[in-house]
Amino acid sequence: MTTLTATEARKQLYTLLDDVSQSHDPIQIAGKRHSAVLVAEDDWRAIQETLHLDSIPGMRDSIVDGMKTSVEQCEEDLDW
């Protein structure tokens, strides 16, 4: 992960926004008191969704089981 000082990040902010959105590589921004990580909005939303789903009891096992199921086994005629 690339690390920049807050001063460097401030100078390149718009370029950094474009870079993380296109590359999906986060950038660490190190300040004198604190540090932070710049991630693309789409990546942040995906992280939040993953954390939410992982917080639901049994969801992880259900997803893993679903991934092991072939497409043919998922086909079902719906009676709508």
PDB file of N, CA and C in Angstrom:
ATOM      1  N   MET A   1       0.858  -1.166   0.000  1.00  0.00           N
ATOM      2  CA  MET A   1       0.000   0.000   0.000  1.00  0.00           C
ATOM      3  C   MET A   1       0.905   1.232   0.000  1.00  0.00           C
ATOM      4  N   THR A   2       0.579   2.152  -0.855  1.00  0.00           N
ATOM      5  CA  THR A   2       1.317   3.409  -0.931  1.00  0.00           C
ATOM      6  C   THR A   2       1.020   4.258   0.299  1.00  0.00           C
ATOM      7  N   THR A   3       2.043   4.897   0.837  1.00  0.00           N
ATOM      8  CA  THR A   3       1.873   5.795   1.976  1.00  0.00           C
ATOM      9  C   THR A   3       2.370   7.177   1.595  1.00  0.00           C
ATOM     10  N   LEU A   4       1.553   8.177   1.881  1.00  0.00           N
ATOM     11  CA  LEU A   4       1.905   9.566   1.631  1.00  0.00           C
ATOM     12  C   LEU A   4       1.723  10.367   2.911  1.00  0.00           C
ATOM     13  N   THR A   5       2.454  11.456   3.026  1.00  0.00           N
ATOM     14  CA  THR A   5       2.194  12.363   4.139  1.00  0.00           C
ATOM     15  C   THR A   5       0.921  13.144   3.825  1.00  0.00           C
ATOM     16  N   ALA A   6       0.343  13.723   4.837  1.00  0.00           N
ATOM     17  CA  ALA A   6      -0.865  14.516   4.636  1.00  0.00           C
ATOM     18  C   ALA A   6      -0.585  15.690   3.700  1.00  0.00           C
ATOM     19  N   THR A   7       0.576  16.264   3.798  1.00  0.00           N
ATOM     20  CA  THR A   7       0.943  17.379   2.916  1.00  0.00           C
ATOM     21  C   THR A   7       1.006  16.931   1.463  1.00  0.00           C
ATOM     22  N   GLU A   8       1.651  15.782   1.221  1.00  0.00           N
ATOM     23  CA  GLU A   8       1.725  15.251  -0.145  1.00  0.00           C
ATOM     24  C   GLU A   8       0.330  14.922  -0.672  1.00  0.00           C
ATOM     25  N   ALA A   9      -0.495  14.304   0.166  1.00  0.00           N
ATOM     26  CA  ALA A   9      -1.845  13.933  -0.248  1.00  0.00           C
ATOM     27  C   ALA A   9      -2.673  15.175  -0.571  1.00  0.00           C
ATOM     28  N   ARG A  10      -2.527  16.213   0.203  1.00  0.00           N
ATOM     29  CA  ARG A  10      -3.281  17.452  -0.037  1.00  0.00           C
ATOM     30  C   ARG A  10      -2.923  18.026  -1.410  1.00  0.00           C
ATOM     31  N   LYS A  11      -1.654  17.992  -1.759  1.00  0.00           N
ATOM     32  CA  LYS A  11      -1.207  18.535  -3.049  1.00  0.00           C
ATOM     33  C   LYS A  11      -1.752  17.721  -4.224  1.00  0.00           C
ATOM     34  N   GLN A  12      -1.970  16.419  -4.011  1.00  0.00           N
ATOM     35  CA  GLN A  12      -2.361  15.521  -5.099  1.00  0.00           C
ATOM     36  C   GLN A  12      -3.784  14.995  -4.959  1.00  0.00           C
ATOM     37  N   LEU A  13      -4.615  15.625  -4.166  1.00  0.00           N
ATOM     38  CA  LEU A  13      -5.902  15.048  -3.795  1.00  0.00           C
ATOM     39  C   LEU A  13      -6.738  14.586  -4.985  1.00  0.00           C
ATOM     40  N   TYR A  14      -6.920  15.435  -5.966  1.00  0.00           N
ATOM     41  CA  TYR A  14      -7.773  15.054  -7.098  1.00  0.00           C
ATOM     42  C   TYR A  14      -7.178  13.894  -7.893  1.00  0.00           C
ATOM     43  N   THR A  15      -5.882  13.875  -8.040  1.00  0.00           N
ATOM     44  CA  THR A  15      -5.216  12.761  -8.721  1.00  0.00           C
ATOM     45  C   THR A  15      -5.367  11.475  -7.916  1.00  0.00           C
ATOM     46  N   LEU A  16      -5.230  11.580  -6.603  1.00  0.00           N
ATOM     47  CA  LEU A  16      -5.377  10.410  -5.745  1.00  0.00           C
ATOM     48  C   LEU A  16      -6.791   9.841  -5.817  1.00  0.00           C
ATOM     49  N   LEU A  17      -7.788  10.717  -5.845  1.00  0.00           N
ATOM     50  CA  LEU A  17      -9.168  10.259  -5.971  1.00  0.00           C
ATOM     51  C   LEU A  17      -9.363   9.464  -7.256  1.00  0.00           C
ATOM     52  N   ASP A  18      -8.819   9.968  -8.351  1.00  0.00           N
ATOM     53  CA  ASP A  18      -8.904   9.243  -9.624  1.00  0.00           C
ATOM     54  C   ASP A  18      -8.166   7.911  -9.540  1.00  0.00           C
ATOM     55  N   ASP A  19      -6.975   7.935  -8.954  1.00  0.00           N
ATOM     56  CA  ASP A  19      -6.143   6.730  -8.881  1.00  0.00           C
ATOM     57  C   ASP A  19      -6.812   5.605  -8.090  1.00  0.00           C
ATOM     58  N   VAL A  20      -7.326   5.930  -6.891  1.00  0.00           N
ATOM     59  CA  VAL A  20      -7.925   4.864  -6.082  1.00  0.00           C
ATOM     60  C   VAL A  20      -9.221   4.357  -6.702  1.00  0.00           C
ATOM     61  N   SER A  21      -9.931   5.226  -7.403  1.00  0.00           N
ATOM     62  CA  SER A  21     -11.173   4.792  -8.055  1.00  0.00           C
ATOM     63  C   SER A  21     -10.887   3.841  -9.212  1.00  0.00           C
ATOM     64  N   GLN A  22      -9.797   4.073  -9.920  1.00  0.00           N
ATOM     65  CA  GLN A  22      -9.465   3.239 -11.078  1.00  0.00           C
ATOM     66  C   GLN A  22      -8.694   1.978 -10.693  1.00  0.00           C
ATOM     67  N   SER A  23      -7.745   2.105  -9.768  1.00  0.00           N
ATOM     68  CA  SER A  23      -6.880   0.970  -9.434  1.00  0.00           C
ATOM     69  C   SER A  23      -7.418   0.102  -8.303  1.00  0.00           C
ATOM     70  N   HIS A  24      -8.284   0.661  -7.475  1.00  0.00           N
ATOM     71  CA  HIS A  24      -8.819  -0.021  -6.292  1.00  0.00           C
ATOM     72  C   HIS A  24      -7.730  -0.351  -5.282  1.00  0.00           C
ATOM     73  N   ASP A  25      -6.594   0.339  -5.375  1.00  0.00           N
ATOM     74  CA  ASP A  25      -5.519   0.199  -4.393  1.00  0.00           C
ATOM     75  C   ASP A  25      -5.658   1.328  -3.375  1.00  0.00           C
ATOM     76  N   PRO A  26      -5.838   1.003  -2.093  1.00  0.00           N
ATOM     77  CA  PRO A  26      -5.966   2.057  -1.085  1.00  0.00           C
ATOM     78  C   PRO A  26      -4.643   2.791  -0.893  1.00  0.00           C
ATOM     79  N   ILE A  27      -4.730   3.997  -0.375  1.00  0.00           N
ATOM     80  CA  ILE A  27      -3.551   4.813  -0.109  1.00  0.00           C
ATOM     81  C   ILE A  27      -3.599   5.247   1.345  1.00  0.00           C
ATOM     82  N   GLN A  28      -2.509   4.970   2.067  1.00  0.00           N
ATOM     83  CA  GLN A  28      -2.417   5.402   3.456  1.00  0.00           C
ATOM     84  C   GLN A  28      -1.932   6.847   3.480  1.00  0.00           C
ATOM     85  N   ILE A  29      -2.593   7.654   4.293  1.00  0.00           N
ATOM     86  CA  ILE A  29      -2.205   9.053   4.467  1.00  0.00           C
ATOM     87  C   ILE A  29      -1.772   9.209   5.919  1.00  0.00           C
ATOM     88  N   ALA A  30      -0.488   9.503   6.106  1.00  0.00           N
ATOM     89  CA  ALA A  30       0.083   9.596   7.447  1.00  0.00           C
ATOM     90  C   ALA A  30       0.192  11.055   7.870  1.00  0.00           C
ATOM     91  N   GLY A  31      -0.487  11.378   8.949  1.00  0.00           N
ATOM     92  CA  GLY A  31      -0.407  12.718   9.503  1.00  0.00           C
ATOM     93  C   GLY A  31       0.502  12.734  10.717  1.00  0.00           C
ATOM     94  N   LYS A  32       0.709  13.902  11.297  1.00  0.00           N
ATOM     95  CA  LYS A  32       1.561  14.005  12.484  1.00  0.00           C
ATOM     96  C   LYS A  32       0.899  13.358  13.698  1.00  0.00           C
ATOM     97  N   ARG A  33      -0.430  13.458  13.797  1.00  0.00           N
ATOM     98  CA  ARG A  33      -1.145  12.910  14.951  1.00  0.00           C
ATOM     99  C   ARG A  33      -1.876  11.611  14.634  1.00  0.00           C
ATOM    100  N   HIS A  34      -2.391  11.496  13.432  1.00  0.00           N
ATOM    101  CA  HIS A  34      -3.194  10.339  13.067  1.00  0.00           C
ATOM    102  C   HIS A  34      -2.925   9.950  11.623  1.00  0.00           C
ATOM    103  N   SER A  35      -3.332   8.731  11.288  1.00  0.00           N
ATOM    104  CA  SER A  35      -3.247   8.252   9.908  1.00  0.00           C
ATOM    105  C   SER A  35      -4.630   7.803   9.466  1.00  0.00           C
ATOM    106  N   ALA A  36      -4.809   7.760   8.146  1.00  0.00           N
ATOM    107  CA  ALA A  36      -6.073   7.319   7.574  1.00  0.00           C
ATOM    108  C   ALA A  36      -5.779   6.608   6.267  1.00  0.00           C
ATOM    109  N   VAL A  37      -6.805   5.964   5.723  1.00  0.00           N
ATOM    110  CA  VAL A  37      -6.656   5.259   4.461  1.00  0.00           C
ATOM    111  C   VAL A  37      -7.707   5.784   3.490  1.00  0.00           C
ATOM    112  N   LEU A  38      -7.270   6.119   2.292  1.00  0.00           N
ATOM    113  CA  LEU A  38      -8.157   6.583   1.233  1.00  0.00           C
ATOM    114  C   LEU A  38      -8.529   5.384   0.365  1.00  0.00           C
ATOM    115  N   VAL A  39      -9.831   5.093   0.290  1.00  0.00           N
ATOM    116  CA  VAL A  39     -10.313   4.003  -0.553  1.00  0.00           C
ATOM    117  C   VAL A  39     -11.400   4.542  -1.477  1.00  0.00           C
ATOM    118  N   ALA A  40     -11.591   3.874  -2.603  1.00  0.00           N
ATOM    119  CA  ALA A  40     -12.636   4.267  -3.538  1.00  0.00           C
ATOM    120  C   ALA A  40     -14.001   4.050  -2.895  1.00  0.00           C
ATOM    121  N   GLU A  41     -14.964   4.874  -3.262  1.00  0.00           N
ATOM    122  CA  GLU A  41     -16.305   4.770  -2.691  1.00  0.00           C
ATOM    123  C   GLU A  41     -16.920   3.392  -2.935  1.00  0.00           C
ATOM    124  N   ASP A  42     -16.778   2.861  -4.133  1.00  0.00           N
ATOM    125  CA  ASP A  42     -17.325   1.535  -4.436  1.00  0.00           C
ATOM    126  C   ASP A  42     -16.705   0.465  -3.534  1.00  0.00           C
ATOM    127  N   ASP A  43     -15.404   0.577  -3.290  1.00  0.00           N
ATOM    128  CA  ASP A  43     -14.724  -0.382  -2.425  1.00  0.00           C
ATOM    129  C   ASP A  43     -15.218  -0.244  -0.984  1.00  0.00           C
ATOM    130  N   TRP A  44     -15.398   0.990  -0.527  1.00  0.00           N
ATOM    131  CA  TRP A  44     -15.895   1.221   0.827  1.00  0.00           C
ATOM    132  C   TRP A  44     -17.291   0.615   0.999  1.00  0.00           C
ATOM    133  N   ARG A  45     -18.153   0.817   0.013  1.00  0.00           N
ATOM    134  CA  ARG A  45     -19.500   0.251   0.092  1.00  0.00           C
ATOM    135  C   ARG A  45     -19.451  -1.282   0.111  1.00  0.00           C
ATOM    136  N   ALA A  46     -18.547  -1.873  -0.657  1.00  0.00           N
ATOM    137  CA  ALA A  46     -18.402  -3.328  -0.672  1.00  0.00           C
ATOM    138  C   ALA A  46     -17.914  -3.837   0.686  1.00  0.00           C
ATOM    139  N   ILE A  47     -16.999  -3.120   1.294  1.00  0.00           N
ATOM    140  CA  ILE A  47     -16.511  -3.485   2.630  1.00  0.00           C
ATOM    141  C   ILE A  47     -17.657  -3.420   3.636  1.00  0.00           C
ATOM    142  N   GLN A  48     -18.425  -2.344   3.580  1.00  0.00           N
ATOM    143  CA  GLN A  48     -19.552  -2.192   4.504  1.00  0.00           C
ATOM    144  C   GLN A  48     -20.584  -3.303   4.321  1.00  0.00           C
ATOM    145  N   GLU A  49     -20.871  -3.652   3.072  1.00  0.00           N
ATOM    146  CA  GLU A  49     -21.836  -4.718   2.795  1.00  0.00           C
ATOM    147  C   GLU A  49     -21.330  -6.054   3.329  1.00  0.00           C
ATOM    148  N   THR A  50     -20.042  -6.323   3.122  1.00  0.00           N
ATOM    149  CA  THR A  50     -19.446  -7.561   3.615  1.00  0.00           C
ATOM    150  C   THR A  50     -19.523  -7.634   5.132  1.00  0.00           C
ATOM    151  N   LEU A  51     -19.195  -6.540   5.801  1.00  0.00           N
ATOM    152  CA  LEU A  51     -19.266  -6.518   7.261  1.00  0.00           C
ATOM    153  C   LEU A  51     -20.700  -6.727   7.745  1.00  0.00           C
ATOM    154  N   HIS A  52     -21.652  -6.114   7.057  1.00  0.00           N
ATOM    155  CA  HIS A  52     -23.051  -6.286   7.431  1.00  0.00           C
ATOM    156  C   HIS A  52     -23.481  -7.744   7.282  1.00  0.00           C
ATOM    157  N   LEU A  53     -23.197  -8.332   6.125  1.00  0.00           N
ATOM    158  CA  LEU A  53     -23.592  -9.724   5.891  1.00  0.00           C
ATOM    159  C   LEU A  53     -22.909 -10.665   6.874  1.00  0.00           C
ATOM    160  N   ASP A  54     -21.652 -10.377   7.184  1.00  0.00           N
ATOM    161  CA  ASP A  54     -20.905 -11.224   8.114  1.00  0.00           C
ATOM    162  C   ASP A  54     -21.451 -11.115   9.537  1.00  0.00           C
ATOM    163  N   SER A  55     -22.158 -10.034   9.832  1.00  0.00           N
ATOM    164  CA  SER A  55     -22.712  -9.855  11.184  1.00  0.00           C
ATOM    165  C   SER A  55     -24.010 -10.638  11.390  1.00  0.00           C
ATOM    166  N   ILE A  56     -24.598 -11.155  10.331  1.00  0.00           N
ATOM    167  CA  ILE A  56     -25.846 -11.916  10.429  1.00  0.00           C
ATOM    168  C   ILE A  56     -25.502 -13.374  10.738  1.00  0.00           C
ATOM    169  N   PRO A  57     -25.992 -13.887  11.875  1.00  0.00           N
ATOM    170  CA  PRO A  57     -25.670 -15.272  12.238  1.00  0.00           C
ATOM    171  C   PRO A  57     -26.067 -16.261  11.126  1.00  0.00           C
ATOM    172  N   GLY A  58     -25.126 -17.135  10.774  1.00  0.00           N
ATOM    173  CA  GLY A  58     -25.383 -18.167   9.775  1.00  0.00           C
ATOM    174  C   GLY A  58     -25.228 -17.717   8.333  1.00  0.00           C
ATOM    175  N   MET A  59     -25.078 -16.419   8.100  1.00  0.00           N
ATOM    176  CA  MET A  59     -25.000 -15.916   6.721  1.00  0.00           C
ATOM    177  C   MET A  59     -23.746 -16.407   6.007  1.00  0.00           C
ATOM    178  N   ARG A  60     -22.627 -16.423   6.694  1.00  0.00           N
ATOM    179  CA  ARG A  60     -21.376 -16.857   6.067  1.00  0.00           C
ATOM    180  C   ARG A  60     -21.507 -18.306   5.582  1.00  0.00           C
ATOM    181  N   ASP A  61     -22.028 -19.183   6.438  1.00  0.00           N
ATOM    182  CA  ASP A  61     -22.193 -20.589   6.051  1.00  0.00           C
ATOM    183  C   ASP A  61     -23.164 -20.727   4.888  1.00  0.00           C
ATOM    184  N   SER A  62     -24.218 -19.930   4.899  1.00  0.00           N
ATOM    185  CA  SER A  62     -25.203 -19.969   3.817  1.00  0.00           C
ATOM    186  C   SER A  62     -24.574 -19.550   2.487  1.00  0.00           C
ATOM    187  N   ILE A  63     -23.739 -18.532   2.529  1.00  0.00           N
ATOM    188  CA  ILE A  63     -23.066 -18.068   1.307  1.00  0.00           C
ATOM    189  C   ILE A  63     -22.093 -19.120   0.801  1.00  0.00           C
ATOM    190  N   VAL A  64     -21.315 -19.703   1.709  1.00  0.00           N
ATOM    191  CA  VAL A  64     -20.347 -20.738   1.320  1.00  0.00           C
ATOM    192  C   VAL A  64     -21.082 -21.935   0.717  1.00  0.00           C
ATOM    193  N   ASP A  65     -22.184 -22.358   1.347  1.00  0.00           N
ATOM    194  CA  ASP A  65     -22.976 -23.470   0.801  1.00  0.00           C
ATOM    195  C   ASP A  65     -23.531 -23.117  -0.576  1.00  0.00           C
ATOM    196  N   GLY A  66     -24.003 -21.907  -0.725  1.00  0.00           N
ATOM    197  CA  GLY A  66     -24.547 -21.468  -2.012  1.00  0.00           C
ATOM    198  C   GLY A  66     -23.500 -21.465  -3.111  1.00  0.00           C
ATOM    199  N   MET A  67     -22.273 -21.104  -2.751  1.00  0.00           N
ATOM    200  CA  MET A  67     -21.197 -21.087  -3.738  1.00  0.00           C
ATOM    201  C   MET A  67     -20.816 -22.486  -4.190  1.00  0.00           C
ATOM    202  N   LYS A  68     -21.085 -23.478  -3.350  1.00  0.00           N
ATOM    203  CA  LYS A  68     -20.779 -24.873  -3.697  1.00  0.00           C
ATOM    204  C   LYS A  68     -21.886 -25.502  -4.543  1.00  0.00           C
ATOM    205  N   THR A  69     -23.018 -24.843  -4.634  1.00  0.00           N
ATOM    206  CA  THR A  69     -24.167 -25.373  -5.360  1.00  0.00           C
ATOM    207  C   THR A  69     -24.040 -25.053  -6.847  1.00  0.00           C
ATOM    208  N   SER A  70     -24.205 -26.056  -7.691  1.00  0.00           N
ATOM    209  CA  SER A  70     -24.096 -25.823  -9.136  1.00  0.00           C
ATOM    210  C   SER A  70     -25.315 -25.043  -9.628  1.00  0.00           C
ATOM    211  N   VAL A  71     -25.174 -24.395 -10.757  1.00  0.00           N
ATOM    212  CA  VAL A  71     -26.257 -23.613 -11.341  1.00  0.00           C
ATOM    213  C   VAL A  71     -27.449 -24.502 -11.663  1.00  0.00           C
ATOM    214  N   GLU A  72     -27.172 -25.709 -12.141  1.00  0.00           N
ATOM    215  CA  GLU A  72     -28.250 -26.626 -12.488  1.00  0.00           C
ATOM    216  C   GLU A  72     -29.129 -26.946 -11.276  1.00  0.00           C
ATOM    217  N   GLN A  73     -28.517 -27.037 -10.117  1.00  0.00           N
ATOM    218  CA  GLN A  73     -29.273 -27.328  -8.901  1.00  0.00           C
ATOM    219  C   GLN A  73     -30.108 -26.125  -8.452  1.00  0.00           C
ATOM    220  N   CYS A  74     -29.768 -24.952  -8.926  1.00  0.00           N
ATOM    221  CA  CYS A  74     -30.485 -23.739  -8.536  1.00  0.00           C
ATOM    222  C   CYS A  74     -31.690 -23.480  -9.426  1.00  0.00           C
ATOM    223  N   GLU A  75     -31.715 -24.107 -10.598  1.00  0.00           N
ATOM    224  CA  GLU A  75     -32.827 -23.870 -11.512  1.00  0.00           C
ATOM    225  C   GLU A  75     -34.112 -24.387 -10.905  1.00  0.00           C
ATOM    226  N   GLU A  76     -35.117 -23.579 -11.003  1.00  0.00           N
ATOM    227  CA  GLU A  76     -36.387 -23.948 -10.422  1.00  0.00           C
ATOM    228  C   GLU A  76     -37.488 -23.210 -11.176  1.00  0.00           C
ATOM    229  N   ASP A  77     -38.537 -23.924 -11.514  1.00  0.00           N
ATOM    230  CA  ASP A  77     -39.679 -23.272 -12.173  1.00  0.00           C
ATOM    231  C   ASP A  77     -40.477 -22.541 -11.121  1.00  0.00           C
ATOM    232  N   LEU A  78     -40.657 -21.265 -11.336  1.00  0.00           N
ATOM    233  CA  LEU A  78     -41.427 -20.459 -10.405  1.00  0.00           C
ATOM    234  C   LEU A  78     -42.899 -20.470 -10.807  1.00  0.00           C
ATOM    235  N   ASP A  79     -43.752 -20.596  -9.830  1.00  0.00           N
ATOM    236  CA  ASP A  79     -45.199 -20.631 -10.075  1.00  0.00           C
ATOM    237  C   ASP A  79     -45.787 -19.275  -9.699  1.00  0.00           C
ATOM    238  N   TRP A  80     -45.562 -18.294 -10.588  1.00  0.00           N
ATOM    239  CA  TRP A  80     -46.056 -16.947 -10.313  1.00  0.00           C
ATOM    240  C   TRP A  80     -47.308 -16.767 -11.031  1.00  0.00           C
TER     241      TRP A  80
END
